[in-house]
Amino acid sequence: MGGVYLDTDMYVLAPLEPLRYYDYVVGRANTEALPNGIILANPNSKFLQIFYDSYKKYDPNCWACSSVITQNRLARQYKHLLHIEPDSMIPPDWEHWQTIFIGEYNWRKDRFSIHIYIRPFYQNNKGKILFNRENIKTLDNAFGEMCRFIYFGSEQMIG
């Protein structure tokens, strides 16, 4: 057991190689929860095994309880078994996900990754807005910049 886990809405901005030195790595978003949108773990990571074993008590009625809250509790208990990146792996936090889609968000800041939180965006817009190759060309927000950078090699608006 080990490797790299990425949520499908994680955007990796820089090589993760500097983090591979640690046995288990996650990013900090706030003090109550330790997100798991991106996890790096060496083979046979002790913390990963402990976290994995905690899922034997999984509560389907409280995803966060079994996931981000439990990981945070375990991190406090076994802090010697993991490394927590304070601001370079998971920003923005869950409470500020809208900043990627509204106004300006500095996604180019020195960090390893960004969590896009595309699911709450679609839920809030009730599926009315779907992104595609054409409409990202003029999408005037950080998400549009990231999409253009990935798809066209430049963050600049097109057309």
Protein backbone atom coordinates (compact mmCIF):
# COMPACT_ATOMS: atom_id res chain seq x y z
CA MET A 1 0.00 0.00 0.00
CA GLY A 2 1.32 3.44 -0.96
CA GLY A 3 1.67 5.80 -3.90
CA VAL A 4 -0.06 9.03 -4.94
CA TYR A 5 -3.77 9.66 -4.63
CA LEU A 6 -5.36 12.65 -6.37
CA ASP A 7 -9.01 13.65 -6.44
CA THR A 8 -10.14 14.13 -10.02
CA ASP A 9 -10.40 17.87 -9.39
CA MET A 10 -6.84 18.38 -8.16
CA TYR A 11 -4.59 20.53 -10.34
CA VAL A 12 -0.89 19.74 -9.90
CA LEU A 13 1.24 22.83 -10.47
CA ALA A 14 4.75 21.65 -9.62
CA PRO A 15 6.70 18.39 -9.39
CA LEU A 16 5.86 16.48 -6.23
CA GLU A 17 9.38 15.03 -5.99
CA PRO A 18 10.47 17.19 -2.99
CA LEU A 19 7.63 15.65 -0.96
CA ARG A 20 8.61 12.05 -1.65
CA TYR A 21 11.20 12.27 1.13
CA TYR A 22 8.39 11.93 3.67
CA ASP A 23 6.62 8.69 4.54
CA TYR A 24 3.12 10.24 4.27
CA VAL A 25 2.20 13.73 3.06
CA VAL A 26 -1.06 15.70 2.99
CA GLY A 27 -1.93 19.38 2.83
CA ARG A 28 -3.51 21.48 5.56
CA ALA A 29 -6.64 23.49 4.73
CA ASN A 30 -7.87 24.46 8.20
CA THR A 31 -7.49 23.38 11.83
CA GLU A 32 -10.55 21.11 12.02
CA ALA A 33 -9.97 18.93 8.98
CA LEU A 34 -7.07 17.43 7.11
CA PRO A 35 -8.14 17.08 3.47
CA ASN A 36 -7.36 14.00 1.45
CA GLY A 37 -7.70 15.40 -2.08
CA ILE A 38 -4.02 14.65 -2.51
CA ILE A 39 -2.03 12.08 -0.54
CA LEU A 40 1.53 10.88 -1.07
CA ALA A 41 2.58 7.76 0.79
CA ASN A 42 5.63 5.55 0.60
CA PRO A 43 5.07 1.81 0.27
CA ASN A 44 4.06 0.34 3.63
CA SER A 45 3.51 3.77 5.17
CA LYS A 46 2.58 3.31 8.82
CA PHE A 47 0.27 6.32 8.86
CA LEU A 48 -1.51 5.18 5.70
CA GLN A 49 -2.13 1.79 7.29
CA ILE A 50 -3.55 3.41 10.43
CA PHE A 51 -5.77 5.72 8.37
CA TYR A 52 -6.88 2.81 6.19
CA ASP A 53 -7.74 0.72 9.24
CA SER A 54 -9.87 3.58 10.59
CA TYR A 55 -12.26 3.04 7.68
CA LYS A 56 -13.48 -0.14 9.39
CA LYS A 57 -15.67 2.29 11.35
CA TYR A 58 -16.82 4.16 8.23
CA ASP A 59 -20.05 6.10 8.72
CA PRO A 60 -21.90 6.47 5.39
CA ASN A 61 -24.00 9.26 6.92
CA CYS A 62 -20.96 11.41 7.67
CA TRP A 63 -18.34 11.25 4.95
CA ALA A 64 -16.23 13.97 6.57
CA CYS A 65 -16.25 12.14 9.92
CA SER A 66 -14.57 9.09 8.44
CA SER A 67 -12.35 11.04 6.10
CA VAL A 68 -10.97 14.52 6.78
CA ILE A 69 -11.89 14.69 10.47
CA THR A 70 -10.50 11.24 11.30
CA GLN A 71 -7.32 11.93 9.36
CA ASN A 72 -6.89 15.16 11.34
CA ARG A 73 -7.44 13.36 14.66
CA LEU A 74 -4.96 10.63 13.69
CA ALA A 75 -2.43 13.24 12.55
CA ARG A 76 -2.48 14.80 16.01
CA GLN A 77 -2.03 11.40 17.61
CA TYR A 78 0.70 10.15 15.23
CA LYS A 79 2.36 13.42 14.19
CA HIS A 80 5.75 11.70 13.96
CA LEU A 81 4.44 9.49 11.12
CA LEU A 82 3.46 12.16 8.60
CA HIS A 83 4.29 15.52 7.09
CA ILE A 84 1.63 18.20 6.67
CA GLU A 85 2.23 20.90 4.05
CA PRO A 86 0.71 24.07 5.52
CA ASP A 87 -0.41 25.97 2.39
CA SER A 88 1.09 24.44 -0.71
CA MET A 89 -1.06 21.43 -1.56
CA ILE A 90 -4.78 21.98 -1.01
CA PRO A 91 -5.69 25.67 -1.31
CA PRO A 92 -8.19 27.13 -1.38
CA ASP A 93 -9.91 25.54 1.59
CA TRP A 94 -13.43 24.11 1.42
CA GLU A 95 -15.04 27.32 2.65
CA HIS A 96 -13.41 29.45 -0.07
CA TRP A 97 -13.68 27.21 -3.14
CA GLN A 98 -15.75 29.87 -4.96
CA THR A 99 -12.71 32.13 -5.30
CA ILE A 100 -11.46 30.00 -8.21
CA PHE A 101 -14.68 30.71 -10.14
CA ILE A 102 -15.45 34.26 -9.01
CA GLY A 103 -13.05 37.17 -9.27
CA GLU A 104 -9.33 36.67 -9.16
CA TYR A 105 -7.45 33.83 -7.50
CA ASN A 106 -3.67 33.58 -7.68
CA TRP A 107 -3.27 29.97 -8.78
CA ARG A 108 0.31 30.67 -9.94
CA LYS A 109 1.50 31.18 -6.35
CA ASP A 110 4.36 28.95 -5.21
CA ARG A 111 2.53 25.72 -4.40
CA PHE A 112 2.39 22.08 -5.40
CA SER A 113 -1.32 21.78 -6.18
CA ILE A 114 -4.77 23.35 -6.04
CA HIS A 115 -8.11 21.74 -5.28
CA ILE A 116 -10.66 22.93 -7.85
CA TYR A 117 -13.82 21.75 -6.00
CA ILE A 118 -15.69 21.28 -9.27
CA ARG A 119 -18.50 19.22 -7.67
CA PRO A 120 -19.82 22.04 -5.43
CA PHE A 121 -19.54 24.42 -8.39
CA TYR A 122 -21.79 22.20 -10.50
CA GLN A 123 -24.16 21.60 -7.56
CA ASN A 124 -24.50 25.35 -6.94
CA ASN A 125 -25.17 25.95 -10.64
CA LYS A 126 -27.50 22.95 -10.89
CA GLY A 127 -25.59 21.68 -13.93
CA LYS A 128 -26.48 24.78 -15.99
CA ILE A 129 -22.86 25.56 -16.80
CA LEU A 130 -20.72 22.91 -18.43
CA PHE A 131 -17.21 23.74 -19.51
CA ASN A 132 -15.86 22.77 -22.91
CA ARG A 133 -13.03 23.57 -25.34
CA GLU A 134 -14.89 26.59 -26.71
CA ASN A 135 -16.29 28.35 -23.65
CA ILE A 136 -13.06 28.13 -21.65
CA LYS A 137 -11.43 30.38 -24.27
CA THR A 138 -13.20 33.41 -22.78
CA LEU A 139 -13.91 32.24 -19.23
CA ASP A 140 -12.73 35.24 -17.17
CA ASN A 141 -11.66 33.66 -13.88
CA ALA A 142 -8.85 31.56 -12.41
CA PHE A 143 -10.52 28.32 -13.49
CA GLY A 144 -10.61 29.59 -17.09
CA GLU A 145 -6.92 30.53 -16.88
CA MET A 146 -6.00 27.06 -15.59
CA CYS A 147 -8.08 25.31 -18.24
CA ARG A 148 -6.55 27.39 -21.05
CA PHE A 149 -3.06 26.78 -19.70
CA ILE A 150 -3.66 23.01 -19.73
CA TYR A 151 -5.54 22.87 -23.02
CA PHE A 152 -3.87 25.58 -25.13
CA GLY A 153 -0.54 26.17 -23.35
CA SER A 154 -1.36 29.76 -22.40
CA GLU A 155 -3.63 31.23 -19.74
CA GLN A 156 -4.55 34.21 -21.94
CA MET A 157 -8.14 34.51 -23.16
CA ILE A 158 -8.67 33.56 -26.80
CA GLY A 159 -10.89 35.44 -29.22
